[in-house]
Amino acid sequence: MIIALLLSVAAVLFLCWLLFTLATVALPFFGAISVGLWAHQAGAGIAGALVAGLSAGITTLVAGQLAFLFVRAAWVRVVIGLIFAMPAAVAGYHAVHGLMAIGIASEAWRQTFGAVGAVLVGASAWFRLAGGGAVGRRLEQSSQFQG
């Protein structure tokens, strides 16, 4: 019984981590879904839609990370960061609000926790983008940037 309880807690914690990690990449996910659905409607088939959607999502994520890495103007970096952080904040709000609806009856508290979740997930997306992501770290570690 105790092992089942511990495994249940571990599973819930893993799903929460997964939910908020995926919420930070809301913009590339939205791009991937949009292009995949468009490709399927255009007659590309399921495999073609999957390839097109996956390509669009990866391209969006890598392009955002590279643009944030190479652009030096502060206002452009703020705009790029907001483009990625705002959809993540909306996804974080809805995720936390939905989870709070399970156990909290008061709408005011659900809104409050949802707003806090939006700020935290939006900030997480901002920091992931500002950190350069995997692409930026690999580029900085390459010999081209070690001069």
Foldseek 3Di string as FASTA:
>chain_A
DVVVVVVVVVVVVVVVVVQLVVLLLQVLQVQLVVQLVVCVVVPVDNVRSNVRSVVSSVCVLLVLLVCLLPDDDPVVNVVSLCVRLQSSLVSQLVVQLVVVVVPDDDPVVSNVRSNVSSVVSSVVSSVCSNVSHPVHVVVCPDPVNPD
